[in-house]
Amino acid sequence: MNTIPHITDAEWEVMKELWNKSPRTANEVIEALQDRTDWKPKTIRTLLNRLNQKGAVSFLQEDRVYAYYPLVSEDECVRAETRSFLKRIYGGAFKPMFVNFLKDEQLSEEEIRELKRLLDDKTK
């Protein structure tokens, strides 16, 4: 897929369920989300329909049952959201974001080693 649709926070919750296991019926998604949200079934069905209209999910229909599955991967959506955030907040500049992150976050030695490794790989 060339263009990754913008996915709202609520839609992300639905997508997480579909990325976790697909295809899933609307009722299966509703059941999974009712454990951690206070959303009504109609709200979840609306979110599924919006995601379908945006081209983020599609469905298989058997009789009157719809089984939904993602058309975009979680990795694609995370990358698109990261680019969007970077552009909106930092004007597309990575360095200020990275500096703010490093100043504010408490990193373990293991995380620091991993970051160093990634930076070393970038310079090769």
PDB file of N, CA and C in Angstrom:
ATOM      1  N   MET A   1       0.846  -1.177   0.000  1.00  0.00           N
ATOM      2  CA  MET A   1       0.000   0.000   0.000  1.00  0.00           C
ATOM      3  C   MET A   1       0.884   1.230   0.000  1.00  0.00           C
ATOM      4  N   ASN A   2       0.617   2.185  -0.881  1.00  0.00           N
ATOM      5  CA  ASN A   2       1.443   3.375  -1.008  1.00  0.00           C
ATOM      6  C   ASN A   2       1.209   4.370   0.119  1.00  0.00           C
ATOM      7  N   THR A   3      -0.036   4.677   0.411  1.00  0.00           N
ATOM      8  CA  THR A   3      -0.361   5.667   1.419  1.00  0.00           C
ATOM      9  C   THR A   3      -0.915   4.975   2.653  1.00  0.00           C
ATOM     10  N   ILE A   4      -0.309   5.293   3.790  1.00  0.00           N
ATOM     11  CA  ILE A   4      -0.788   4.739   5.051  1.00  0.00           C
ATOM     12  C   ILE A   4      -1.827   5.710   5.595  1.00  0.00           C
ATOM     13  N   PRO A   5      -3.040   5.242   5.864  1.00  0.00           N
ATOM     14  CA  PRO A   5      -4.075   6.154   6.347  1.00  0.00           C
ATOM     15  C   PRO A   5      -3.770   6.649   7.756  1.00  0.00           C
ATOM     16  N   HIS A   6      -4.246   7.859   8.064  1.00  0.00           N
ATOM     17  CA  HIS A   6      -4.122   8.363   9.435  1.00  0.00           C
ATOM     18  C   HIS A   6      -5.073   7.564  10.321  1.00  0.00           C
ATOM     19  N   ILE A   7      -4.548   7.052  11.397  1.00  0.00           N
ATOM     20  CA  ILE A   7      -5.334   6.228  12.312  1.00  0.00           C
ATOM     21  C   ILE A   7      -5.414   6.944  13.654  1.00  0.00           C
ATOM     22  N   THR A   8      -6.631   7.161  14.138  1.00  0.00           N
ATOM     23  CA  THR A   8      -6.830   7.851  15.415  1.00  0.00           C
ATOM     24  C   THR A   8      -6.422   6.943  16.570  1.00  0.00           C
ATOM     25  N   ASP A   9      -6.337   7.526  17.762  1.00  0.00           N
ATOM     26  CA  ASP A   9      -5.965   6.745  18.944  1.00  0.00           C
ATOM     27  C   ASP A   9      -6.934   5.582  19.171  1.00  0.00           C
ATOM     28  N   ALA A  10      -8.224   5.849  19.042  1.00  0.00           N
ATOM     29  CA  ALA A  10      -9.220   4.793  19.244  1.00  0.00           C
ATOM     30  C   ALA A  10      -9.077   3.703  18.178  1.00  0.00           C
ATOM     31  N   GLU A  11      -8.835   4.119  16.942  1.00  0.00           N
ATOM     32  CA  GLU A  11      -8.661   3.144  15.863  1.00  0.00           C
ATOM     33  C   GLU A  11      -7.413   2.303  16.077  1.00  0.00           C
ATOM     34  N   TRP A  12      -6.379   2.892  16.700  1.00  0.00           N
ATOM     35  CA  TRP A  12      -5.163   2.122  17.012  1.00  0.00           C
ATOM     36  C   TRP A  12      -5.495   0.924  17.897  1.00  0.00           C
ATOM     37  N   GLU A  13      -6.395   1.123  18.844  1.00  0.00           N
ATOM     38  CA  GLU A  13      -6.769   0.025  19.740  1.00  0.00           C
ATOM     39  C   GLU A  13      -7.406  -1.125  18.959  1.00  0.00           C
ATOM     40  N   VAL A  14      -8.237  -0.787  18.004  1.00  0.00           N
ATOM     41  CA  VAL A  14      -8.865  -1.809  17.161  1.00  0.00           C
ATOM     42  C   VAL A  14      -7.803  -2.490  16.298  1.00  0.00           C
ATOM     43  N   MET A  15      -6.919  -1.690  15.711  1.00  0.00           N
ATOM     44  CA  MET A  15      -5.863  -2.251  14.860  1.00  0.00           C
ATOM     45  C   MET A  15      -4.966  -3.195  15.648  1.00  0.00           C
ATOM     46  N   LYS A  16      -4.642  -2.838  16.890  1.00  0.00           N
ATOM     47  CA  LYS A  16      -3.798  -3.716  17.717  1.00  0.00           C
ATOM     48  C   LYS A  16      -4.425  -5.101  17.844  1.00  0.00           C
ATOM     49  N   GLU A  17      -5.732  -5.138  18.011  1.00  0.00           N
ATOM     50  CA  GLU A  17      -6.424  -6.428  18.113  1.00  0.00           C
ATOM     51  C   GLU A  17      -6.315  -7.204  16.808  1.00  0.00           C
ATOM     52  N   LEU A  18      -6.453  -6.503  15.685  1.00  0.00           N
ATOM     53  CA  LEU A  18      -6.385  -7.179  14.387  1.00  0.00           C
ATOM     54  C   LEU A  18      -4.950  -7.582  14.044  1.00  0.00           C
ATOM     55  N   TRP A  19      -3.966  -6.774  14.443  1.00  0.00           N
ATOM     56  CA  TRP A  19      -2.576  -7.161  14.226  1.00  0.00           C
ATOM     57  C   TRP A  19      -2.209  -8.361  15.091  1.00  0.00           C
ATOM     58  N   ASN A  20      -2.812  -8.434  16.247  1.00  0.00           N
ATOM     59  CA  ASN A  20      -2.541  -9.536  17.166  1.00  0.00           C
ATOM     60  C   ASN A  20      -3.066 -10.861  16.621  1.00  0.00           C
ATOM     61  N   LYS A  21      -4.255 -10.806  16.021  1.00  0.00           N
ATOM     62  CA  LYS A  21      -4.871 -12.033  15.478  1.00  0.00           C
ATOM     63  C   LYS A  21      -5.895 -11.635  14.425  1.00  0.00           C
ATOM     64  N   SER A  22      -5.769 -12.226  13.252  1.00  0.00           N
ATOM     65  CA  SER A  22      -6.701 -11.936  12.157  1.00  0.00           C
ATOM     66  C   SER A  22      -6.917 -13.174  11.315  1.00  0.00           C
ATOM     67  N   PRO A  23      -8.012 -13.261  10.624  1.00  0.00           N
ATOM     68  CA  PRO A  23      -9.169 -12.372  10.697  1.00  0.00           C
ATOM     69  C   PRO A  23      -9.943 -12.582  11.992  1.00  0.00           C
ATOM     70  N   ARG A  24     -10.674 -11.541  12.387  1.00  0.00           N
ATOM     71  CA  ARG A  24     -11.515 -11.586  13.584  1.00  0.00           C
ATOM     72  C   ARG A  24     -12.866 -10.968  13.257  1.00  0.00           C
ATOM     73  N   THR A  25     -13.897 -11.558  13.795  1.00  0.00           N
ATOM     74  CA  THR A  25     -15.231 -11.002  13.608  1.00  0.00           C
ATOM     75  C   THR A  25     -15.367  -9.746  14.460  1.00  0.00           C
ATOM     76  N   ALA A  26     -16.355  -8.948  14.128  1.00  0.00           N
ATOM     77  CA  ALA A  26     -16.614  -7.751  14.927  1.00  0.00           C
ATOM     78  C   ALA A  26     -16.872  -8.133  16.377  1.00  0.00           C
ATOM     79  N   ASN A  27     -17.615  -9.212  16.589  1.00  0.00           N
ATOM     80  CA  ASN A  27     -17.902  -9.650  17.958  1.00  0.00           C
ATOM     81  C   ASN A  27     -16.634 -10.056  18.703  1.00  0.00           C
ATOM     82  N   GLU A  28     -15.679 -10.658  18.020  1.00  0.00           N
ATOM     83  CA  GLU A  28     -14.416 -11.026  18.667  1.00  0.00           C
ATOM     84  C   GLU A  28     -13.613  -9.783  19.042  1.00  0.00           C
ATOM     85  N   VAL A  29     -13.622  -8.802  18.173  1.00  0.00           N
ATOM     86  CA  VAL A  29     -12.927  -7.546  18.472  1.00  0.00           C
ATOM     87  C   VAL A  29     -13.619  -6.843  19.641  1.00  0.00           C
ATOM     88  N   ILE A  30     -14.929  -6.823  19.616  1.00  0.00           N
ATOM     89  CA  ILE A  30     -15.706  -6.212  20.700  1.00  0.00           C
ATOM     90  C   ILE A  30     -15.376  -6.887  22.025  1.00  0.00           C
ATOM     91  N   GLU A  31     -15.386  -8.197  22.037  1.00  0.00           N
ATOM     92  CA  GLU A  31     -15.099  -8.946  23.262  1.00  0.00           C
ATOM     93  C   GLU A  31     -13.693  -8.632  23.788  1.00  0.00           C
ATOM     94  N   ALA A  32     -12.731  -8.565  22.913  1.00  0.00           N
ATOM     95  CA  ALA A  32     -11.352  -8.285  23.319  1.00  0.00           C
ATOM     96  C   ALA A  32     -11.212  -6.870  23.869  1.00  0.00           C
ATOM     97  N   LEU A  33     -11.881  -5.909  23.253  1.00  0.00           N
ATOM     98  CA  LEU A  33     -11.740  -4.516  23.669  1.00  0.00           C
ATOM     99  C   LEU A  33     -12.569  -4.177  24.905  1.00  0.00           C
ATOM    100  N   GLN A  34     -13.642  -4.891  25.130  1.00  0.00           N
ATOM    101  CA  GLN A  34     -14.475  -4.595  26.298  1.00  0.00           C
ATOM    102  C   GLN A  34     -13.754  -4.907  27.600  1.00  0.00           C
ATOM    103  N   ASP A  35     -12.706  -5.727  27.530  1.00  0.00           N
ATOM    104  CA  ASP A  35     -11.920  -6.025  28.725  1.00  0.00           C
ATOM    105  C   ASP A  35     -11.109  -4.813  29.182  1.00  0.00           C
ATOM    106  N   ARG A  36     -10.750  -3.923  28.261  1.00  0.00           N
ATOM    107  CA  ARG A  36      -9.884  -2.801  28.636  1.00  0.00           C
ATOM    108  C   ARG A  36     -10.413  -1.424  28.235  1.00  0.00           C
ATOM    109  N   THR A  37     -11.608  -1.355  27.672  1.00  0.00           N
ATOM    110  CA  THR A  37     -12.218  -0.059  27.358  1.00  0.00           C
ATOM    111  C   THR A  37     -13.652  -0.070  27.873  1.00  0.00           C
ATOM    112  N   ASP A  38     -14.250   1.106  27.899  1.00  0.00           N
ATOM    113  CA  ASP A  38     -15.665   1.191  28.280  1.00  0.00           C
ATOM    114  C   ASP A  38     -16.538   1.469  27.062  1.00  0.00           C
ATOM    115  N   TRP A  39     -16.009   1.103  25.894  1.00  0.00           N
ATOM    116  CA  TRP A  39     -16.721   1.364  24.647  1.00  0.00           C
ATOM    117  C   TRP A  39     -17.902   0.422  24.472  1.00  0.00           C
ATOM    118  N   LYS A  40     -18.951   0.975  23.897  1.00  0.00           N
ATOM    119  CA  LYS A  40     -20.131   0.179  23.542  1.00  0.00           C
ATOM    120  C   LYS A  40     -19.832  -0.594  22.253  1.00  0.00           C
ATOM    121  N   PRO A  41     -20.490  -1.732  22.043  1.00  0.00           N
ATOM    122  CA  PRO A  41     -20.287  -2.492  20.802  1.00  0.00           C
ATOM    123  C   PRO A  41     -20.486  -1.651  19.543  1.00  0.00           C
ATOM    124  N   LYS A  42     -21.469  -0.749  19.568  1.00  0.00           N
ATOM    125  CA  LYS A  42     -21.730   0.092  18.390  1.00  0.00           C
ATOM    126  C   LYS A  42     -20.519   0.977  18.080  1.00  0.00           C
ATOM    127  N   THR A  43     -19.848   1.478  19.100  1.00  0.00           N
ATOM    128  CA  THR A  43     -18.657   2.310  18.908  1.00  0.00           C
ATOM    129  C   THR A  43     -17.563   1.511  18.207  1.00  0.00           C
ATOM    130  N   ILE A  44     -17.365   0.288  18.644  1.00  0.00           N
ATOM    131  CA  ILE A  44     -16.314  -0.559  18.060  1.00  0.00           C
ATOM    132  C   ILE A  44     -16.660  -0.902  16.612  1.00  0.00           C
ATOM    133  N   ARG A  45     -17.920  -1.175  16.349  1.00  0.00           N
ATOM    134  CA  ARG A  45     -18.342  -1.441  14.969  1.00  0.00           C
ATOM    135  C   ARG A  45     -18.118  -0.196  14.089  1.00  0.00           C
ATOM    136  N   THR A  46     -18.389   0.980  14.637  1.00  0.00           N
ATOM    137  CA  THR A  46     -18.150   2.230  13.911  1.00  0.00           C
ATOM    138  C   THR A  46     -16.667   2.387  13.599  1.00  0.00           C
ATOM    139  N   LEU A  47     -15.812   2.081  14.567  1.00  0.00           N
ATOM    140  CA  LEU A  47     -14.367   2.166  14.345  1.00  0.00           C
ATOM    141  C   LEU A  47     -13.921   1.188  13.260  1.00  0.00           C
ATOM    142  N   LEU A  48     -14.462  -0.023  13.277  1.00  0.00           N
ATOM    143  CA  LEU A  48     -14.137  -1.001  12.229  1.00  0.00           C
ATOM    144  C   LEU A  48     -14.568  -0.481  10.856  1.00  0.00           C
ATOM    145  N   ASN A  49     -15.754   0.113  10.792  1.00  0.00           N
ATOM    146  CA  ASN A  49     -16.239   0.660   9.518  1.00  0.00           C
ATOM    147  C   ASN A  49     -15.362   1.810   9.031  1.00  0.00           C
ATOM    148  N   ARG A  50     -14.952   2.683   9.950  1.00  0.00           N
ATOM    149  CA  ARG A  50     -14.072   3.793   9.568  1.00  0.00           C
ATOM    150  C   ARG A  50     -12.741   3.266   9.032  1.00  0.00           C
ATOM    151  N   LEU A  51     -12.186   2.283   9.727  1.00  0.00           N
ATOM    152  CA  LEU A  51     -10.915   1.700   9.280  1.00  0.00           C
ATOM    153  C   LEU A  51     -11.064   1.065   7.907  1.00  0.00           C
ATOM    154  N   ASN A  52     -12.204   0.470   7.662  1.00  0.00           N
ATOM    155  CA  ASN A  52     -12.466  -0.104   6.346  1.00  0.00           C
ATOM    156  C   ASN A  52     -12.550   0.983   5.286  1.00  0.00           C
ATOM    157  N   GLN A  53     -13.250   2.067   5.587  1.00  0.00           N
ATOM    158  CA  GLN A  53     -13.382   3.182   4.646  1.00  0.00           C
ATOM    159  C   GLN A  53     -12.033   3.834   4.356  1.00  0.00           C
ATOM    160  N   LYS A  54     -11.154   3.850   5.343  1.00  0.00           N
ATOM    161  CA  LYS A  54      -9.821   4.439   5.174  1.00  0.00           C
ATOM    162  C   LYS A  54      -8.865   3.522   4.426  1.00  0.00           C
ATOM    163  N   GLY A  55      -9.256   2.257   4.251  1.00  0.00           N
ATOM    164  CA  GLY A  55      -8.387   1.308   3.574  1.00  0.00           C
ATOM    165  C   GLY A  55      -7.363   0.663   4.491  1.00  0.00           C
ATOM    166  N   ALA A  56      -7.568   0.772   5.799  1.00  0.00           N
ATOM    167  CA  ALA A  56      -6.651   0.158   6.763  1.00  0.00           C
ATOM    168  C   ALA A  56      -7.017  -1.300   7.026  1.00  0.00           C
ATOM    169  N   VAL A  57      -8.295  -1.636   6.882  1.00  0.00           N
ATOM    170  CA  VAL A  57      -8.750  -3.018   7.070  1.00  0.00           C
ATOM    171  C   VAL A  57      -9.711  -3.388   5.946  1.00  0.00           C
ATOM    172  N   SER A  58      -9.882  -4.674   5.797  1.00  0.00           N
ATOM    173  CA  SER A  58     -10.906  -5.184   4.894  1.00  0.00           C
ATOM    174  C   SER A  58     -11.596  -6.324   5.631  1.00  0.00           C
ATOM    175  N   PHE A  59     -12.495  -6.986   4.950  1.00  0.00           N
ATOM    176  CA  PHE A  59     -13.222  -8.058   5.616  1.00  0.00           C
ATOM    177  C   PHE A  59     -13.586  -9.156   4.631  1.00  0.00           C
ATOM    178  N   LEU A  60     -13.794 -10.316   5.205  1.00  0.00           N
ATOM    179  CA  LEU A  60     -14.348 -11.455   4.490  1.00  0.00           C
ATOM    180  C   LEU A  60     -15.773 -11.599   4.994  1.00  0.00           C
ATOM    181  N   GLN A  61     -16.707 -11.814   4.085  1.00  0.00           N
ATOM    182  CA  GLN A  61     -18.091 -11.940   4.504  1.00  0.00           C
ATOM    183  C   GLN A  61     -18.572 -13.352   4.257  1.00  0.00           C
ATOM    184  N   GLU A  62     -19.109 -13.965   5.308  1.00  0.00           N
ATOM    185  CA  GLU A  62     -19.737 -15.276   5.193  1.00  0.00           C
ATOM    186  C   GLU A  62     -21.131 -15.152   5.805  1.00  0.00           C
ATOM    187  N   ASP A  63     -22.120 -15.225   4.951  1.00  0.00           N
ATOM    188  CA  ASP A  63     -23.503 -14.935   5.339  1.00  0.00           C
ATOM    189  C   ASP A  63     -23.556 -13.506   5.881  1.00  0.00           C
ATOM    190  N   ARG A  64     -23.959 -13.361   7.141  1.00  0.00           N
ATOM    191  CA  ARG A  64     -24.052 -12.016   7.729  1.00  0.00           C
ATOM    192  C   ARG A  64     -22.901 -11.727   8.682  1.00  0.00           C
ATOM    193  N   VAL A  65     -21.872 -12.562   8.660  1.00  0.00           N
ATOM    194  CA  VAL A  65     -20.730 -12.399   9.557  1.00  0.00           C
ATOM    195  C   VAL A  65     -19.555 -11.820   8.773  1.00  0.00           C
ATOM    196  N   TYR A  66     -18.976 -10.761   9.319  1.00  0.00           N
ATOM    197  CA  TYR A  66     -17.818 -10.115   8.713  1.00  0.00           C
ATOM    198  C   TYR A  66     -16.588 -10.435   9.560  1.00  0.00           C
ATOM    199  N   ALA A  67     -15.541 -10.907   8.904  1.00  0.00           N
ATOM    200  CA  ALA A  67     -14.279 -11.170   9.581  1.00  0.00           C
ATOM    201  C   ALA A  67     -13.254 -10.164   9.057  1.00  0.00           C
ATOM    202  N   TYR A  68     -12.762  -9.323   9.949  1.00  0.00           N
ATOM    203  CA  TYR A  68     -11.880  -8.220   9.576  1.00  0.00           C
ATOM    204  C   TYR A  68     -10.411  -8.622   9.651  1.00  0.00           C
ATOM    205  N   TYR A  69      -9.617  -8.022   8.769  1.00  0.00           N
ATOM    206  CA  TYR A  69      -8.169  -8.243   8.783  1.00  0.00           C
ATOM    207  C   TYR A  69      -7.483  -6.956   8.314  1.00  0.00           C
ATOM    208  N   PRO A  70      -6.267  -6.706   8.797  1.00  0.00           N
ATOM    209  CA  PRO A  70      -5.569  -5.464   8.434  1.00  0.00           C
ATOM    210  C   PRO A  70      -5.022  -5.510   7.010  1.00  0.00           C
ATOM    211  N   LEU A  71      -5.054  -4.357   6.355  1.00  0.00           N
ATOM    212  CA  LEU A  71      -4.440  -4.207   5.036  1.00  0.00           C
ATOM    213  C   LEU A  71      -3.073  -3.533   5.137  1.00  0.00           C
ATOM    214  N   VAL A  72      -2.786  -2.959   6.298  1.00  0.00           N
ATOM    215  CA  VAL A  72      -1.494  -2.312   6.548  1.00  0.00           C
ATOM    216  C   VAL A  72      -0.867  -2.978   7.766  1.00  0.00           C
ATOM    217  N   SER A  73       0.444  -3.089   7.741  1.00  0.00           N
ATOM    218  CA  SER A  73       1.127  -3.733   8.861  1.00  0.00           C
ATOM    219  C   SER A  73       1.321  -2.752  10.003  1.00  0.00           C
ATOM    220  N   GLU A  74       1.533  -3.300  11.168  1.00  0.00           N
ATOM    221  CA  GLU A  74       1.794  -2.468  12.333  1.00  0.00           C
ATOM    222  C   GLU A  74       3.068  -1.656  12.118  1.00  0.00           C
ATOM    223  N   ASP A  75       4.085  -2.282  11.549  1.00  0.00           N
ATOM    224  CA  ASP A  75       5.355  -1.595  11.291  1.00  0.00           C
ATOM    225  C   ASP A  75       5.157  -0.393  10.359  1.00  0.00           C
ATOM    226  N   GLU A  76       4.375  -0.576   9.294  1.00  0.00           N
ATOM    227  CA  GLU A  76       4.100   0.531   8.365  1.00  0.00           C
ATOM    228  C   GLU A  76       3.410   1.688   9.083  1.00  0.00           C
ATOM    229  N   CYS A  77       2.451   1.355   9.928  1.00  0.00           N
ATOM    230  CA  CYS A  77       1.699   2.399  10.639  1.00  0.00           C
ATOM    231  C   CYS A  77       2.565   3.104  11.670  1.00  0.00           C
ATOM    232  N   VAL A  78       3.405   2.355  12.363  1.00  0.00           N
ATOM    233  CA  VAL A  78       4.295   2.975  13.343  1.00  0.00           C
ATOM    234  C   VAL A  78       5.259   3.924  12.639  1.00  0.00           C
ATOM    235  N   ARG A  79       5.802   3.496  11.519  1.00  0.00           N
ATOM    236  CA  ARG A  79       6.730   4.359  10.766  1.00  0.00           C
ATOM    237  C   ARG A  79       6.028   5.628  10.273  1.00  0.00           C
ATOM    238  N   ALA A  80       4.826   5.488   9.755  1.00  0.00           N
ATOM    239  CA  ALA A  80       4.086   6.653   9.261  1.00  0.00           C
ATOM    240  C   ALA A  80       3.755   7.607  10.408  1.00  0.00           C
ATOM    241  N   GLU A  81       3.358   7.050  11.533  1.00  0.00           N
ATOM    242  CA  GLU A  81       3.021   7.880  12.692  1.00  0.00           C
ATOM    243  C   GLU A  81       4.264   8.578  13.237  1.00  0.00           C
ATOM    244  N   THR A  82       5.385   7.899  13.213  1.00  0.00           N
ATOM    245  CA  THR A  82       6.646   8.493  13.666  1.00  0.00           C
ATOM    246  C   THR A  82       7.036   9.662  12.775  1.00  0.00           C
ATOM    247  N   ARG A  83       6.946   9.465  11.465  1.00  0.00           N
ATOM    248  CA  ARG A  83       7.260  10.549  10.523  1.00  0.00           C
ATOM    249  C   ARG A  83       6.320  11.734  10.730  1.00  0.00           C
ATOM    250  N   SER A  84       5.041  11.456  10.925  1.00  0.00           N
ATOM    251  CA  SER A  84       4.054  12.507  11.126  1.00  0.00           C
ATOM    252  C   SER A  84       4.359  13.293  12.403  1.00  0.00           C
ATOM    253  N   PHE A  85       4.670  12.585  13.478  1.00  0.00           N
ATOM    254  CA  PHE A  85       5.006  13.225  14.748  1.00  0.00           C
ATOM    255  C   PHE A  85       6.249  14.094  14.600  1.00  0.00           C
ATOM    256  N   LEU A  86       7.268  13.541  13.991  1.00  0.00           N
ATOM    257  CA  LEU A  86       8.523  14.261  13.801  1.00  0.00           C
ATOM    258  C   LEU A  86       8.292  15.543  12.994  1.00  0.00           C
ATOM    259  N   LYS A  87       7.479  15.442  11.955  1.00  0.00           N
ATOM    260  CA  LYS A  87       7.197  16.598  11.102  1.00  0.00           C
ATOM    261  C   LYS A  87       6.381  17.655  11.858  1.00  0.00           C
ATOM    262  N   ARG A  88       5.327  17.214  12.571  1.00  0.00           N
ATOM    263  CA  ARG A  88       4.454  18.145  13.286  1.00  0.00           C
ATOM    264  C   ARG A  88       5.163  18.842  14.435  1.00  0.00           C
ATOM    265  N   ILE A  89       5.892  18.099  15.232  1.00  0.00           N
ATOM    266  CA  ILE A  89       6.451  18.641  16.473  1.00  0.00           C
ATOM    267  C   ILE A  89       7.840  19.241  16.278  1.00  0.00           C
ATOM    268  N   TYR A  90       8.659  18.617  15.453  1.00  0.00           N
ATOM    269  CA  TYR A  90      10.053  19.033  15.312  1.00  0.00           C
ATOM    270  C   TYR A  90      10.393  19.525  13.906  1.00  0.00           C
ATOM    271  N   GLY A  91       9.391  19.804  13.105  1.00  0.00           N
ATOM    272  CA  GLY A  91       9.643  20.288  11.756  1.00  0.00           C
ATOM    273  C   GLY A  91      10.413  19.305  10.904  1.00  0.00           C
ATOM    274  N   GLY A  92      10.329  18.034  11.258  1.00  0.00           N
ATOM    275  CA  GLY A  92      11.003  16.982  10.497  1.00  0.00           C
ATOM    276  C   GLY A  92      12.434  16.732  10.933  1.00  0.00           C
ATOM    277  N   ALA A  93      12.930  17.507  11.883  1.00  0.00           N
ATOM    278  CA  ALA A  93      14.317  17.347  12.331  1.00  0.00           C
ATOM    279  C   ALA A  93      14.399  16.296  13.433  1.00  0.00           C
ATOM    280  N   PHE A  94      15.206  15.286  13.201  1.00  0.00           N
ATOM    281  CA  PHE A  94      15.325  14.185  14.152  1.00  0.00           C
ATOM    282  C   PHE A  94      16.163  14.553  15.376  1.00  0.00           C
ATOM    283  N   LYS A  95      17.242  15.290  15.166  1.00  0.00           N
ATOM    284  CA  LYS A  95      18.188  15.557  16.250  1.00  0.00           C
ATOM    285  C   LYS A  95      17.539  16.204  17.479  1.00  0.00           C
ATOM    286  N   PRO A  96      16.725  17.270  17.340  1.00  0.00           N
ATOM    287  CA  PRO A  96      16.114  17.860  18.545  1.00  0.00           C
ATOM    288  C   PRO A  96      15.224  16.870  19.303  1.00  0.00           C
ATOM    289  N   MET A  97      14.512  16.037  18.583  1.00  0.00           N
ATOM    290  CA  MET A  97      13.680  15.046  19.239  1.00  0.00           C
ATOM    291  C   MET A  97      14.539  14.060  20.010  1.00  0.00           C
ATOM    292  N   PHE A  98      15.599  13.601  19.375  1.00  0.00           N
ATOM    293  CA  PHE A  98      16.484  12.622  19.998  1.00  0.00           C
ATOM    294  C   PHE A  98      17.144  13.212  21.246  1.00  0.00           C
ATOM    295  N   VAL A  99      17.575  14.466  21.155  1.00  0.00           N
ATOM    296  CA  VAL A  99      18.202  15.137  22.299  1.00  0.00           C
ATOM    297  C   VAL A  99      17.203  15.255  23.445  1.00  0.00           C
ATOM    298  N   ASN A 100      15.969  15.678  23.142  1.00  0.00           N
ATOM    299  CA  ASN A 100      14.939  15.767  24.189  1.00  0.00           C
ATOM    300  C   ASN A 100      14.666  14.415  24.817  1.00  0.00           C
ATOM    301  N   PHE A 101      14.598  13.398  23.988  1.00  0.00           N
ATOM    302  CA  PHE A 101      14.363  12.044  24.483  1.00  0.00           C
ATOM    303  C   PHE A 101      15.486  11.625  25.437  1.00  0.00           C
ATOM    304  N   LEU A 102      16.724  11.842  25.040  1.00  0.00           N
ATOM    305  CA  LEU A 102      17.859  11.428  25.858  1.00  0.00           C
ATOM    306  C   LEU A 102      17.934  12.203  27.171  1.00  0.00           C
ATOM    307  N   LYS A 103      17.541  13.464  27.146  1.00  0.00           N
ATOM    308  CA  LYS A 103      17.558  14.269  28.374  1.00  0.00           C
ATOM    309  C   LYS A 103      16.500  13.811  29.364  1.00  0.00           C
ATOM    310  N   ASP A 104      15.343  13.445  28.850  1.00  0.00           N
ATOM    311  CA  ASP A 104      14.198  13.149  29.718  1.00  0.00           C
ATOM    312  C   ASP A 104      14.081  11.692  30.157  1.00  0.00           C
ATOM    313  N   GLU A 105      14.635  10.789  29.422  1.00  0.00           N
ATOM    314  CA  GLU A 105      14.450   9.369  29.709  1.00  0.00           C
ATOM    315  C   GLU A 105      15.571   8.809  30.574  1.00  0.00           C
ATOM    316  N   GLN A 106      15.200   7.920  31.468  1.00  0.00           N
ATOM    317  CA  GLN A 106      16.171   7.158  32.243  1.00  0.00           C
ATOM    318  C   GLN A 106      16.427   5.870  31.473  1.00  0.00           C
ATOM    319  N   LEU A 107      17.613   5.743  30.924  1.00  0.00           N
ATOM    320  CA  LEU A 107      17.947   4.578  30.111  1.00  0.00           C
ATOM    321  C   LEU A 107      18.814   3.618  30.908  1.00  0.00           C
ATOM    322  N   SER A 108      18.550   2.344  30.731  1.00  0.00           N
ATOM    323  CA  SER A 108      19.393   1.331  31.353  1.00  0.00           C
ATOM    324  C   SER A 108      20.699   1.224  30.573  1.00  0.00           C
ATOM    325  N   GLU A 109      21.677   0.589  31.168  1.00  0.00           N
ATOM    326  CA  GLU A 109      22.946   0.391  30.465  1.00  0.00           C
ATOM    327  C   GLU A 109      22.732  -0.426  29.193  1.00  0.00           C
ATOM    328  N   GLU A 110      21.851  -1.380  29.260  1.00  0.00           N
ATOM    329  CA  GLU A 110      21.559  -2.209  28.083  1.00  0.00           C
ATOM    330  C   GLU A 110      20.943  -1.367  26.964  1.00  0.00           C
ATOM    331  N   GLU A 111      20.024  -0.480  27.308  1.00  0.00           N
ATOM    332  CA  GLU A 111      19.415   0.392  26.301  1.00  0.00           C
ATOM    333  C   GLU A 111      20.460   1.331  25.691  1.00  0.00           C
ATOM    334  N   ILE A 112      21.354   1.841  26.520  1.00  0.00           N
ATOM    335  CA  ILE A 112      22.419   2.716  26.023  1.00  0.00           C
ATOM    336  C   ILE A 112      23.325   1.955  25.065  1.00  0.00           C
ATOM    337  N   ARG A 113      23.682   0.730  25.404  1.00  0.00           N
ATOM    338  CA  ARG A 113      24.508  -0.097  24.515  1.00  0.00           C
ATOM    339  C   ARG A 113      23.802  -0.336  23.184  1.00  0.00           C
ATOM    340  N   GLU A 114      22.505  -0.597  23.243  1.00  0.00           N
ATOM    341  CA  GLU A 114      21.735  -0.828  22.019  1.00  0.00           C
ATOM    342  C   GLU A 114      21.705   0.425  21.149  1.00  0.00           C
ATOM    343  N   LEU A 115      21.497   1.582  21.756  1.00  0.00           N
ATOM    344  CA  LEU A 115      21.514   2.838  21.004  1.00  0.00           C
ATOM    345  C   LEU A 115      22.883   3.081  20.374  1.00  0.00           C
ATOM    346  N   LYS A 116      23.930   2.816  21.123  1.00  0.00           N
ATOM    347  CA  LYS A 116      25.294   2.975  20.576  1.00  0.00           C
ATOM    348  C   LYS A 116      25.504   2.042  19.385  1.00  0.00           C
ATOM    349  N   ARG A 117      25.027   0.814  19.535  1.00  0.00           N
ATOM    350  CA  ARG A 117      25.176  -0.158  18.445  1.00  0.00           C
ATOM    351  C   ARG A 117      24.444   0.317  17.192  1.00  0.00           C
ATOM    352  N   LEU A 118      23.225   0.806  17.380  1.00  0.00           N
ATOM    353  CA  LEU A 118      22.439   1.307  16.243  1.00  0.00           C
ATOM    354  C   LEU A 118      23.133   2.490  15.584  1.00  0.00           C
ATOM    355  N   LEU A 119      23.664   3.407  16.380  1.00  0.00           N
ATOM    356  CA  LEU A 119      24.371   4.566  15.826  1.00  0.00           C
ATOM    357  C   LEU A 119      25.656   4.129  15.105  1.00  0.00           C
ATOM    358  N   ASP A 120      26.367   3.164  15.694  1.00  0.00           N
ATOM    359  CA  ASP A 120      27.567   2.644  15.037  1.00  0.00           C
ATOM    360  C   ASP A 120      27.227   2.012  13.684  1.00  0.00           C
ATOM    361  N   ASP A 121      26.118   1.265  13.651  1.00  0.00           N
ATOM    362  CA  ASP A 121      25.678   0.639  12.398  1.00  0.00           C
ATOM    363  C   ASP A 121      25.338   1.690  11.340  1.00  0.00           C
ATOM    364  N   LYS A 122      24.801   2.815  11.772  1.00  0.00           N
ATOM    365  CA  LYS A 122      24.432   3.893  10.853  1.00  0.00           C
ATOM    366  C   LYS A 122      25.665   4.540  10.208  1.00  0.00           C
ATOM    367  N   THR A 123      26.770   4.566  10.959  1.00  0.00           N
ATOM    368  CA  THR A 123      27.975   5.218  10.447  1.00  0.00           C
ATOM    369  C   THR A 123      28.773   4.316   9.521  1.00  0.00           C
ATOM    370  N   LYS A 124      28.459   3.045   9.480  1.00  0.00           N
ATOM    371  CA  LYS A 124      29.185   2.101   8.604  1.00  0.00           C
ATOM    372  C   LYS A 124      28.686   2.168   7.186  1.00  0.00           C
TER     373      LYS A 124
END
